[in-house]
Amino acid sequence: MDGGGRIEESGCRPDVAAAERRDARFMPRYLLHHRHEPQECGVVYASFKGHVSPLRHQATLASCRSGGHAIWWSVEAPTETDALGLLPFYVSERTTATRVSEVDIP
C-alpha cells in the first residue's frame, strides 16, 4: 500500500513493459572459453593475424604462461554464433560460448 491507501501492484503490465524495454537495449554477453594443447600456443596466437576482429590487440585472461593453456574473453554479441565469429576458425572450433550476465553477490 502507498501512503494514500492504494494498493500498489508489482509485475503489472507497465512494470513488465518497462523491464522489456530496458533489456532490449543491452546486447547479450558471452564468456568464450578456449582450450588448446601446449604445442598449439603459437598457432592459436598467430591465427589472429589473418582474422579481422575487435579482440585483436586487446588484453584478455589466459593461463598459457602458468601451464593451463586456456584463454577467456568476455564479449557482447547478438548470438552465440556471432560471439564465436569474433575468433579465428582455428580458435573458435575449440571454444565454448556461455551466455552470462552480471549479478550482485550479497
PDB file of N, CA and C in Angstrom:
ATOM      1  N   MET A   1       0.846  -1.178   0.000  1.00  0.00           N
ATOM      2  CA  MET A   1       0.000   0.000   0.000  1.00  0.00           C
ATOM      3  C   MET A   1       0.884   1.232   0.000  1.00  0.00           C
ATOM      4  N   ASP A   2       0.429   2.269  -0.707  1.00  0.00           N
ATOM      5  CA  ASP A   2       1.159   3.528  -0.649  1.00  0.00           C
ATOM      6  C   ASP A   2       0.568   4.394   0.444  1.00  0.00           C
ATOM      7  N   GLY A   3       1.066   5.603   0.627  1.00  0.00           N
ATOM      8  CA  GLY A   3       0.607   6.498   1.684  1.00  0.00           C
ATOM      9  C   GLY A   3      -0.844   6.909   1.549  1.00  0.00           C
ATOM     10  N   GLY A   4      -1.452   6.820   0.362  1.00  0.00           N
ATOM     11  CA  GLY A   4      -2.832   7.229   0.143  1.00  0.00           C
ATOM     12  C   GLY A   4      -3.817   6.092   0.289  1.00  0.00           C
ATOM     13  N   GLY A   5      -3.381   4.909   0.739  1.00  0.00           N
ATOM     14  CA  GLY A   5      -4.283   3.791   0.943  1.00  0.00           C
ATOM     15  C   GLY A   5      -4.477   2.934  -0.299  1.00  0.00           C
ATOM     16  N   ARG A   6      -3.830   3.301  -1.406  1.00  0.00           N
ATOM     17  CA  ARG A   6      -3.975   2.485  -2.618  1.00  0.00           C
ATOM     18  C   ARG A   6      -3.017   1.300  -2.543  1.00  0.00           C
ATOM     19  N   ILE A   7      -3.438   0.215  -3.145  1.00  0.00           N
ATOM     20  CA  ILE A   7      -2.586  -0.964  -3.215  1.00  0.00           C
ATOM     21  C   ILE A   7      -1.734  -0.853  -4.465  1.00  0.00           C
ATOM     22  N   GLU A   8      -0.417  -0.938  -4.298  1.00  0.00           N
ATOM     23  CA  GLU A   8       0.495  -0.912  -5.433  1.00  0.00           C
ATOM     24  C   GLU A   8       0.761  -2.340  -5.871  1.00  0.00           C
ATOM     25  N   GLU A   9       0.644  -2.589  -7.160  1.00  0.00           N
ATOM     26  CA  GLU A   9       0.870  -3.924  -7.677  1.00  0.00           C
ATOM     27  C   GLU A   9       2.217  -3.980  -8.382  1.00  0.00           C
ATOM     28  N   SER A  10       2.966  -4.986  -8.091  1.00  0.00           N
ATOM     29  CA  SER A  10       4.235  -5.197  -8.760  1.00  0.00           C
ATOM     30  C   SER A  10       4.036  -6.247  -9.836  1.00  0.00           C
ATOM     31  N   GLY A  11       4.678  -6.050 -10.986  1.00  0.00           N
ATOM     32  CA  GLY A  11       4.579  -7.017 -12.063  1.00  0.00           C
ATOM     33  C   GLY A  11       3.403  -6.780 -12.985  1.00  0.00           C
ATOM     34  N   CYS A  12       2.644  -5.702 -12.743  1.00  0.00           N
ATOM     35  CA  CYS A  12       1.543  -5.427 -13.659  1.00  0.00           C
ATOM     36  C   CYS A  12       2.106  -4.924 -14.984  1.00  0.00           C
ATOM     37  N   ARG A  13       1.294  -4.825 -15.995  1.00  0.00           N
ATOM     38  CA  ARG A  13       1.738  -4.540 -17.345  1.00  0.00           C
ATOM     39  C   ARG A  13       2.730  -3.381 -17.498  1.00  0.00           C
ATOM     40  N   PRO A  14       2.524  -2.215 -16.921  1.00  0.00           N
ATOM     41  CA  PRO A  14       3.510  -1.141 -17.109  1.00  0.00           C
ATOM     42  C   PRO A  14       4.895  -1.510 -16.596  1.00  0.00           C
ATOM     43  N   ASP A  15       4.979  -2.224 -15.457  1.00  0.00           N
ATOM     44  CA  ASP A  15       6.276  -2.644 -14.933  1.00  0.00           C
ATOM     45  C   ASP A  15       6.957  -3.631 -15.867  1.00  0.00           C
ATOM     46  N   VAL A  16       6.205  -4.594 -16.359  1.00  0.00           N
ATOM     47  CA  VAL A  16       6.754  -5.626 -17.235  1.00  0.00           C
ATOM     48  C   VAL A  16       7.227  -5.005 -18.540  1.00  0.00           C
ATOM     49  N   ALA A  17       6.443  -4.126 -19.131  1.00  0.00           N
ATOM     50  CA  ALA A  17       6.824  -3.490 -20.390  1.00  0.00           C
ATOM     51  C   ALA A  17       8.095  -2.662 -20.218  1.00  0.00           C
ATOM     52  N   ALA A  18       8.215  -1.965 -19.098  1.00  0.00           N
ATOM     53  CA  ALA A  18       9.402  -1.155 -18.858  1.00  0.00           C
ATOM     54  C   ALA A  18      10.630  -2.045 -18.751  1.00  0.00           C
ATOM     55  N   ALA A  19      10.500  -3.185 -18.083  1.00  0.00           N
ATOM     56  CA  ALA A  19      11.628  -4.110 -17.964  1.00  0.00           C
ATOM     57  C   ALA A  19      12.022  -4.660 -19.325  1.00  0.00           C
ATOM     58  N   GLU A  20      11.046  -4.972 -20.173  1.00  0.00           N
ATOM     59  CA  GLU A  20      11.346  -5.479 -21.512  1.00  0.00           C
ATOM     60  C   GLU A  20      12.081  -4.428 -22.332  1.00  0.00           C
ATOM     61  N   ARG A  21      11.667  -3.174 -22.229  1.00  0.00           N
ATOM     62  CA  ARG A  21      12.343  -2.102 -22.970  1.00  0.00           C
ATOM     63  C   ARG A  21      13.779  -1.938 -22.492  1.00  0.00           C
ATOM     64  N   ARG A  22      13.997  -2.004 -21.166  1.00  0.00           N
ATOM     65  CA  ARG A  22      15.359  -1.886 -20.634  1.00  0.00           C
ATOM     66  C   ARG A  22      16.231  -3.020 -21.154  1.00  0.00           C
ATOM     67  N   ASP A  23      15.733  -4.250 -21.136  1.00  0.00           N
ATOM     68  CA  ASP A  23      16.505  -5.401 -21.579  1.00  0.00           C
ATOM     69  C   ASP A  23      16.812  -5.335 -23.063  1.00  0.00           C
ATOM     70  N   ALA A  24      15.935  -4.760 -23.856  1.00  0.00           N
ATOM     71  CA  ALA A  24      16.123  -4.705 -25.310  1.00  0.00           C
ATOM     72  C   ALA A  24      17.306  -3.812 -25.685  1.00  0.00           C
ATOM     73  N   ARG A  25      17.706  -2.923 -24.808  1.00  0.00           N
ATOM     74  CA  ARG A  25      18.817  -2.019 -25.113  1.00  0.00           C
ATOM     75  C   ARG A  25      20.172  -2.699 -24.990  1.00  0.00           C
ATOM     76  N   PHE A  26      20.238  -3.805 -24.287  1.00  0.00           N
ATOM     77  CA  PHE A  26      21.515  -4.432 -23.993  1.00  0.00           C
ATOM     78  C   PHE A  26      21.777  -5.628 -24.886  1.00  0.00           C
ATOM     79  N   MET A  27      23.000  -5.723 -25.339  1.00  0.00           N
ATOM     80  CA  MET A  27      23.435  -6.844 -26.148  1.00  0.00           C
ATOM     81  C   MET A  27      23.767  -8.006 -25.209  1.00  0.00           C
ATOM     82  N   PRO A  28      23.407  -9.235 -25.567  1.00  0.00           N
ATOM     83  CA  PRO A  28      23.784 -10.372 -24.724  1.00  0.00           C
ATOM     84  C   PRO A  28      25.304 -10.455 -24.565  1.00  0.00           C
ATOM     85  N   ARG A  29      25.740 -10.943 -23.433  1.00  0.00           N
ATOM     86  CA  ARG A  29      27.169 -11.098 -23.138  1.00  0.00           C
ATOM     87  C   ARG A  29      27.474 -12.596 -23.083  1.00  0.00           C
ATOM     88  N   TYR A  30      28.621 -12.948 -23.642  1.00  0.00           N
ATOM     89  CA  TYR A  30      29.070 -14.343 -23.656  1.00  0.00           C
ATOM     90  C   TYR A  30      30.475 -14.429 -23.071  1.00  0.00           C
ATOM     91  N   LEU A  31      30.718 -15.500 -22.357  1.00  0.00           N
ATOM     92  CA  LEU A  31      32.066 -15.824 -21.916  1.00  0.00           C
ATOM     93  C   LEU A  31      32.573 -16.905 -22.863  1.00  0.00           C
ATOM     94  N   LEU A  32      33.616 -16.561 -23.610  1.00  0.00           N
ATOM     95  CA  LEU A  32      34.226 -17.508 -24.529  1.00  0.00           C
ATOM     96  C   LEU A  32      35.379 -18.184 -23.799  1.00  0.00           C
ATOM     97  N   HIS A  33      35.380 -19.511 -23.800  1.00  0.00           N
ATOM     98  CA  HIS A  33      36.415 -20.284 -23.105  1.00  0.00           C
ATOM     99  C   HIS A  33      37.094 -21.194 -24.122  1.00  0.00           C
ATOM    100  N   HIS A  34      38.349 -20.897 -24.376  1.00  0.00           N
ATOM    101  CA  HIS A  34      39.122 -21.639 -25.371  1.00  0.00           C
ATOM    102  C   HIS A  34      40.196 -22.470 -24.676  1.00  0.00           C
ATOM    103  N   ARG A  35      40.380 -23.709 -25.151  1.00  0.00           N
ATOM    104  CA  ARG A  35      41.446 -24.571 -24.638  1.00  0.00           C
ATOM    105  C   ARG A  35      42.254 -25.106 -25.794  1.00  0.00           C
ATOM    106  N   HIS A  36      43.549 -25.253 -25.555  1.00  0.00           N
ATOM    107  CA  HIS A  36      44.425 -25.840 -26.563  1.00  0.00           C
ATOM    108  C   HIS A  36      45.573 -26.564 -25.868  1.00  0.00           C
ATOM    109  N   GLU A  37      46.292 -27.342 -26.640  1.00  0.00           N
ATOM    110  CA  GLU A  37      47.439 -28.082 -26.123  1.00  0.00           C
ATOM    111  C   GLU A  37      48.656 -27.148 -26.061  1.00  0.00           C
ATOM    112  N   PRO A  38      49.621 -27.465 -25.196  1.00  0.00           N
ATOM    113  CA  PRO A  38      50.810 -26.602 -25.067  1.00  0.00           C
ATOM    114  C   PRO A  38      51.509 -26.330 -26.395  1.00  0.00           C
ATOM    115  N   GLN A  39      51.595 -27.324 -27.256  1.00  0.00           N
ATOM    116  CA  GLN A  39      52.294 -27.137 -28.527  1.00  0.00           C
ATOM    117  C   GLN A  39      51.484 -26.307 -29.524  1.00  0.00           C
ATOM    118  N   GLU A  40      50.240 -25.971 -29.209  1.00  0.00           N
ATOM    119  CA  GLU A  40      49.393 -25.186 -30.108  1.00  0.00           C
ATOM    120  C   GLU A  40      49.398 -23.692 -29.806  1.00  0.00           C
ATOM    121  N   CYS A  41      50.070 -23.267 -28.746  1.00  0.00           N
ATOM    122  CA  CYS A  41      50.059 -21.848 -28.356  1.00  0.00           C
ATOM    123  C   CYS A  41      50.417 -20.935 -29.524  1.00  0.00           C
ATOM    124  N   GLY A  42      51.513 -21.205 -30.189  1.00  0.00           N
ATOM    125  CA  GLY A  42      51.952 -20.351 -31.286  1.00  0.00           C
ATOM    126  C   GLY A  42      50.930 -20.248 -32.397  1.00  0.00           C
ATOM    127  N   VAL A  43      50.305 -21.362 -32.756  1.00  0.00           N
ATOM    128  CA  VAL A  43      49.300 -21.368 -33.823  1.00  0.00           C
ATOM    129  C   VAL A  43      48.067 -20.573 -33.400  1.00  0.00           C
ATOM    130  N   VAL A  44      47.666 -20.738 -32.145  1.00  0.00           N
ATOM    131  CA  VAL A  44      46.489 -20.013 -31.646  1.00  0.00           C
ATOM    132  C   VAL A  44      46.713 -18.505 -31.746  1.00  0.00           C
ATOM    133  N   TYR A  45      47.824 -18.032 -31.240  1.00  0.00           N
ATOM    134  CA  TYR A  45      48.091 -16.595 -31.261  1.00  0.00           C
ATOM    135  C   TYR A  45      48.308 -16.094 -32.689  1.00  0.00           C
ATOM    136  N   ALA A  46      49.001 -16.867 -33.499  1.00  0.00           N
ATOM    137  CA  ALA A  46      49.264 -16.459 -34.886  1.00  0.00           C
ATOM    138  C   ALA A  46      47.984 -16.434 -35.719  1.00  0.00           C
ATOM    139  N   SER A  47      47.004 -17.255 -35.389  1.00  0.00           N
ATOM    140  CA  SER A  47      45.774 -17.303 -36.192  1.00  0.00           C
ATOM    141  C   SER A  47      45.021 -15.978 -36.178  1.00  0.00           C
ATOM    142  N   PHE A  48      45.246 -15.150 -35.160  1.00  0.00           N
ATOM    143  CA  PHE A  48      44.577 -13.849 -35.116  1.00  0.00           C
ATOM    144  C   PHE A  48      45.123 -12.887 -36.170  1.00  0.00           C
ATOM    145  N   LYS A  49      46.349 -13.098 -36.633  1.00  0.00           N
ATOM    146  CA  LYS A  49      46.950 -12.179 -37.608  1.00  0.00           C
ATOM    147  C   LYS A  49      46.168 -12.104 -38.901  1.00  0.00           C
ATOM    148  N   GLY A  50      45.548 -13.188 -39.314  1.00  0.00           N
ATOM    149  CA  GLY A  50      44.779 -13.195 -40.554  1.00  0.00           C
ATOM    150  C   GLY A  50      43.289 -13.034 -40.346  1.00  0.00           C
ATOM    151  N   HIS A  51      42.869 -12.619 -39.164  1.00  0.00           N
ATOM    152  CA  HIS A  51      41.438 -12.533 -38.850  1.00  0.00           C
ATOM    153  C   HIS A  51      41.100 -11.131 -38.337  1.00  0.00           C
ATOM    154  N   VAL A  52      40.173 -10.469 -38.995  1.00  0.00           N
ATOM    155  CA  VAL A  52      39.732  -9.148 -38.554  1.00  0.00           C
ATOM    156  C   VAL A  52      38.778  -9.343 -37.371  1.00  0.00           C
ATOM    157  N   SER A  53      39.146  -8.775 -36.233  1.00  0.00           N
ATOM    158  CA  SER A  53      38.333  -8.941 -35.034  1.00  0.00           C
ATOM    159  C   SER A  53      38.606  -7.807 -34.061  1.00  0.00           C
ATOM    160  N   PRO A  54      37.562  -7.350 -33.355  1.00  0.00           N
ATOM    161  CA  PRO A  54      37.780  -6.329 -32.317  1.00  0.00           C
ATOM    162  C   PRO A  54      38.553  -6.891 -31.120  1.00  0.00           C
ATOM    163  N   LEU A  55      38.755  -8.199 -31.079  1.00  0.00           N
ATOM    164  CA  LEU A  55      39.500  -8.801 -29.981  1.00  0.00           C
ATOM    165  C   LEU A  55      41.007  -8.703 -30.182  1.00  0.00           C
ATOM    166  N   ARG A  56      41.430  -8.410 -31.399  1.00  0.00           N
ATOM    167  CA  ARG A  56      42.862  -8.269 -31.665  1.00  0.00           C
ATOM    168  C   ARG A  56      43.419  -7.061 -30.924  1.00  0.00           C
ATOM    169  N   HIS A  57      44.636  -7.181 -30.486  1.00  0.00           N
ATOM    170  CA  HIS A  57      45.364  -6.102 -29.792  1.00  0.00           C
ATOM    171  C   HIS A  57      44.658  -5.666 -28.503  1.00  0.00           C
ATOM    172  N   GLN A  58      43.882  -6.581 -27.893  1.00  0.00           N
ATOM    173  CA  GLN A  58      43.201  -6.306 -26.626  1.00  0.00           C
ATOM    174  C   GLN A  58      43.681  -7.293 -25.576  1.00  0.00           C
ATOM    175  N   ALA A  59      43.791  -6.844 -24.357  1.00  0.00           N
ATOM    176  CA  ALA A  59      44.165  -7.735 -23.255  1.00  0.00           C
ATOM    177  C   ALA A  59      43.002  -8.658 -22.913  1.00  0.00           C
ATOM    178  N   THR A  60      43.316  -9.874 -22.517  1.00  0.00           N
ATOM    179  CA  THR A  60      42.323 -10.827 -22.029  1.00  0.00           C
ATOM    180  C   THR A  60      43.005 -11.730 -21.015  1.00  0.00           C
ATOM    181  N   LEU A  61      42.286 -12.685 -20.477  1.00  0.00           N
ATOM    182  CA  LEU A  61      42.858 -13.601 -19.497  1.00  0.00           C
ATOM    183  C   LEU A  61      43.278 -14.894 -20.171  1.00  0.00           C
ATOM    184  N   ALA A  62      44.448 -15.398 -19.816  1.00  0.00           N
ATOM    185  CA  ALA A  62      44.947 -16.660 -20.357  1.00  0.00           C
ATOM    186  C   ALA A  62      45.784 -17.357 -19.287  1.00  0.00           C
ATOM    187  N   SER A  63      45.857 -18.667 -19.395  1.00  0.00           N
ATOM    188  CA  SER A  63      46.651 -19.438 -18.439  1.00  0.00           C
ATOM    189  C   SER A  63      47.856 -20.104 -19.094  1.00  0.00           C
ATOM    190  N   CYS A  64      48.185 -19.724 -20.326  1.00  0.00           N
ATOM    191  CA  CYS A  64      49.300 -20.353 -21.042  1.00  0.00           C
ATOM    192  C   CYS A  64      50.620 -20.224 -20.289  1.00  0.00           C
ATOM    193  N   ARG A  65      50.907 -19.080 -19.748  1.00  0.00           N
ATOM    194  CA  ARG A  65      52.178 -18.862 -19.044  1.00  0.00           C
ATOM    195  C   ARG A  65      52.277 -19.658 -17.750  1.00  0.00           C
ATOM    196  N   SER A  66      51.122 -20.051 -17.191  1.00  0.00           N
ATOM    197  CA  SER A  66      51.132 -20.834 -15.953  1.00  0.00           C
ATOM    198  C   SER A  66      50.849 -22.317 -16.208  1.00  0.00           C
ATOM    199  N   GLY A  67      50.792 -22.704 -17.493  1.00  0.00           N
ATOM    200  CA  GLY A  67      50.650 -24.108 -17.847  1.00  0.00           C
ATOM    201  C   GLY A  67      49.239 -24.598 -18.094  1.00  0.00           C
ATOM    202  N   GLY A  68      48.231 -23.734 -18.011  1.00  0.00           N
ATOM    203  CA  GLY A  68      46.841 -24.173 -18.190  1.00  0.00           C
ATOM    204  C   GLY A  68      46.369 -24.237 -19.630  1.00  0.00           C
ATOM    205  N   HIS A  69      46.928 -23.408 -20.492  1.00  0.00           N
ATOM    206  CA  HIS A  69      46.617 -23.357 -21.920  1.00  0.00           C
ATOM    207  C   HIS A  69      45.122 -23.179 -22.202  1.00  0.00           C
ATOM    208  N   ALA A  70      44.572 -22.149 -21.575  1.00  0.00           N
ATOM    209  CA  ALA A  70      43.193 -21.736 -21.801  1.00  0.00           C
ATOM    210  C   ALA A  70      43.177 -20.217 -21.924  1.00  0.00           C
ATOM    211  N   ILE A  71      42.208 -19.714 -22.683  1.00  0.00           N
ATOM    212  CA  ILE A  71      42.028 -18.272 -22.858  1.00  0.00           C
ATOM    213  C   ILE A  71      40.544 -17.979 -22.683  1.00  0.00           C
ATOM    214  N   TRP A  72      40.236 -16.852 -22.028  1.00  0.00           N
ATOM    215  CA  TRP A  72      38.853 -16.432 -21.827  1.00  0.00           C
ATOM    216  C   TRP A  72      38.653 -15.021 -22.362  1.00  0.00           C
ATOM    217  N   TRP A  73      37.528 -14.814 -23.035  1.00  0.00           N
ATOM    218  CA  TRP A  73      37.122 -13.484 -23.482  1.00  0.00           C
ATOM    219  C   TRP A  73      35.696 -13.249 -23.004  1.00  0.00           C
ATOM    220  N   SER A  74      35.399 -12.047 -22.599  1.00  0.00           N
ATOM    221  CA  SER A  74      34.031 -11.628 -22.315  1.00  0.00           C
ATOM    222  C   SER A  74      33.641 -10.695 -23.453  1.00  0.00           C
ATOM    223  N   VAL A  75      32.605 -11.094 -24.210  1.00  0.00           N
ATOM    224  CA  VAL A  75      32.227 -10.338 -25.404  1.00  0.00           C
ATOM    225  C   VAL A  75      30.729 -10.086 -25.422  1.00  0.00           C
ATOM    226  N   GLU A  76      30.339  -9.045 -26.148  1.00  0.00           N
ATOM    227  CA  GLU A  76      28.927  -8.780 -26.408  1.00  0.00           C
ATOM    228  C   GLU A  76      28.653  -9.116 -27.863  1.00  0.00           C
ATOM    229  N   ALA A  77      27.567  -9.854 -28.102  1.00  0.00           N
ATOM    230  CA  ALA A  77      27.199 -10.251 -29.454  1.00  0.00           C
ATOM    231  C   ALA A  77      25.724 -10.632 -29.458  1.00  0.00           C
ATOM    232  N   PRO A  78      25.051 -10.491 -30.611  1.00  0.00           N
ATOM    233  CA  PRO A  78      23.629 -10.826 -30.670  1.00  0.00           C
ATOM    234  C   PRO A  78      23.340 -12.307 -30.413  1.00  0.00           C
ATOM    235  N   THR A  79      24.241 -13.200 -30.867  1.00  0.00           N
ATOM    236  CA  THR A  79      24.023 -14.636 -30.723  1.00  0.00           C
ATOM    237  C   THR A  79      25.334 -15.329 -30.363  1.00  0.00           C
ATOM    238  N   GLU A  80      25.220 -16.578 -29.944  1.00  0.00           N
ATOM    239  CA  GLU A  80      26.406 -17.386 -29.648  1.00  0.00           C
ATOM    240  C   GLU A  80      27.268 -17.533 -30.901  1.00  0.00           C
ATOM    241  N   THR A  81      26.631 -17.732 -32.041  1.00  0.00           N
ATOM    242  CA  THR A  81      27.364 -17.864 -33.304  1.00  0.00           C
ATOM    243  C   THR A  81      28.140 -16.596 -33.613  1.00  0.00           C
ATOM    244  N   ASP A  82      27.528 -15.441 -33.399  1.00  0.00           N
ATOM    245  CA  ASP A  82      28.217 -14.162 -33.619  1.00  0.00           C
ATOM    246  C   ASP A  82      29.387 -13.998 -32.658  1.00  0.00           C
ATOM    247  N   ALA A  83      29.195 -14.430 -31.413  1.00  0.00           N
ATOM    248  CA  ALA A  83      30.276 -14.331 -30.425  1.00  0.00           C
ATOM    249  C   ALA A  83      31.464 -15.182 -30.868  1.00  0.00           C
ATOM    250  N   LEU A  84      31.204 -16.402 -31.293  1.00  0.00           N
ATOM    251  CA  LEU A  84      32.283 -17.280 -31.747  1.00  0.00           C
ATOM    252  C   LEU A  84      32.920 -16.761 -33.030  1.00  0.00           C
ATOM    253  N   GLY A  85      32.144 -16.029 -33.838  1.00  0.00           N
ATOM    254  CA  GLY A  85      32.661 -15.459 -35.078  1.00  0.00           C
ATOM    255  C   GLY A  85      33.705 -14.371 -34.865  1.00  0.00           C
ATOM    256  N   LEU A  86      33.826 -13.891 -33.641  1.00  0.00           N
ATOM    257  CA  LEU A  86      34.864 -12.903 -33.333  1.00  0.00           C
ATOM    258  C   LEU A  86      36.248 -13.551 -33.294  1.00  0.00           C
ATOM    259  N   LEU A  87      36.270 -14.864 -33.252  1.00  0.00           N
ATOM    260  CA  LEU A  87      37.526 -15.611 -33.167  1.00  0.00           C
ATOM    261  C   LEU A  87      37.880 -16.221 -34.513  1.00  0.00           C
ATOM    262  N   PRO A  88      39.172 -16.417 -34.777  1.00  0.00           N
ATOM    263  CA  PRO A  88      39.569 -17.160 -35.978  1.00  0.00           C
ATOM    264  C   PRO A  88      39.010 -18.585 -35.894  1.00  0.00           C
ATOM    265  N   PHE A  89      38.749 -19.196 -37.031  1.00  0.00           N
ATOM    266  CA  PHE A  89      38.154 -20.535 -37.054  1.00  0.00           C
ATOM    267  C   PHE A  89      38.963 -21.526 -36.222  1.00  0.00           C
ATOM    268  N   TYR A  90      40.271 -21.505 -36.350  1.00  0.00           N
ATOM    269  CA  TYR A  90      41.127 -22.440 -35.611  1.00  0.00           C
ATOM    270  C   TYR A  90      40.874 -22.340 -34.106  1.00  0.00           C
ATOM    271  N   VAL A  91      40.620 -21.141 -33.630  1.00  0.00           N
ATOM    272  CA  VAL A  91      40.376 -20.917 -32.201  1.00  0.00           C
ATOM    273  C   VAL A  91      38.918 -21.229 -31.868  1.00  0.00           C
ATOM    274  N   SER A  92      37.993 -20.752 -32.676  1.00  0.00           N
ATOM    275  CA  SER A  92      36.563 -20.910 -32.358  1.00  0.00           C
ATOM    276  C   SER A  92      36.120 -22.368 -32.321  1.00  0.00           C
ATOM    277  N   GLU A  93      36.742 -23.220 -33.151  1.00  0.00           N
ATOM    278  CA  GLU A  93      36.323 -24.627 -33.142  1.00  0.00           C
ATOM    279  C   GLU A  93      36.727 -25.344 -31.857  1.00  0.00           C
ATOM    280  N   ARG A  94      37.556 -24.721 -31.042  1.00  0.00           N
ATOM    281  CA  ARG A  94      37.982 -25.280 -29.759  1.00  0.00           C
ATOM    282  C   ARG A  94      37.489 -24.421 -28.596  1.00  0.00           C
ATOM    283  N   THR A  95      36.431 -23.654 -28.829  1.00  0.00           N
ATOM    284  CA  THR A  95      35.944 -22.683 -27.845  1.00  0.00           C
ATOM    285  C   THR A  95      34.477 -22.939 -27.527  1.00  0.00           C
ATOM    286  N   THR A  96      34.119 -22.772 -26.259  1.00  0.00           N
ATOM    287  CA  THR A  96      32.710 -22.815 -25.864  1.00  0.00           C
ATOM    288  C   THR A  96      32.260 -21.386 -25.563  1.00  0.00           C
ATOM    289  N   ALA A  97      31.005 -21.103 -25.858  1.00  0.00           N
ATOM    290  CA  ALA A  97      30.405 -19.796 -25.574  1.00  0.00           C
ATOM    291  C   ALA A  97      29.261 -20.005 -24.598  1.00  0.00           C
ATOM    292  N   THR A  98      29.319 -19.296 -23.488  1.00  0.00           N
ATOM    293  CA  THR A  98      28.285 -19.387 -22.469  1.00  0.00           C
ATOM    294  C   THR A  98      27.685 -18.005 -22.268  1.00  0.00           C
ATOM    295  N   ARG A  99      26.361 -17.908 -22.394  1.00  0.00           N
ATOM    296  CA  ARG A  99      25.710 -16.619 -22.158  1.00  0.00           C
ATOM    297  C   ARG A  99      25.743 -16.325 -20.665  1.00  0.00           C
ATOM    298  N   VAL A 100      26.186 -15.127 -20.315  1.00  0.00           N
ATOM    299  CA  VAL A 100      26.352 -14.743 -18.912  1.00  0.00           C
ATOM    300  C   VAL A 100      25.775 -13.355 -18.671  1.00  0.00           C
ATOM    301  N   SER A 101      25.575 -13.028 -17.418  1.00  0.00           N
ATOM    302  CA  SER A 101      25.173 -11.675 -17.033  1.00  0.00           C
ATOM    303  C   SER A 101      25.759 -11.377 -15.667  1.00  0.00           C
ATOM    304  N   GLU A 102      25.873 -10.109 -15.369  1.00  0.00           N
ATOM    305  CA  GLU A 102      26.412  -9.704 -14.080  1.00  0.00           C
ATOM    306  C   GLU A 102      25.359  -9.888 -12.999  1.00  0.00           C
ATOM    307  N   VAL A 103      25.810 -10.293 -11.834  1.00  0.00           N
ATOM    308  CA  VAL A 103      24.939 -10.406 -10.670  1.00  0.00           C
ATOM    309  C   VAL A 103      25.642  -9.762  -9.485  1.00  0.00           C
ATOM    310  N   ASP A 104      24.878  -9.313  -8.536  1.00  0.00           N
ATOM    311  CA  ASP A 104      25.436  -8.781  -7.301  1.00  0.00           C
ATOM    312  C   ASP A 104      25.490  -9.907  -6.277  1.00  0.00           C
ATOM    313  N   ILE A 105      26.659 -10.123  -5.722  1.00  0.00           N
ATOM    314  CA  ILE A 105      26.827 -11.155  -4.706  1.00  0.00           C
ATOM    315  C   ILE A 105      26.621 -10.512  -3.341  1.00  0.00           C
ATOM    316  N   PRO A 106      25.662 -11.044  -2.560  1.00  0.00           N
ATOM    317  CA  PRO A 106      25.385 -10.438  -1.247  1.00  0.00           C
ATOM    318  C   PRO A 106      26.505 -10.663  -0.259  1.00  0.00           C
TER     319      PRO A 106
END
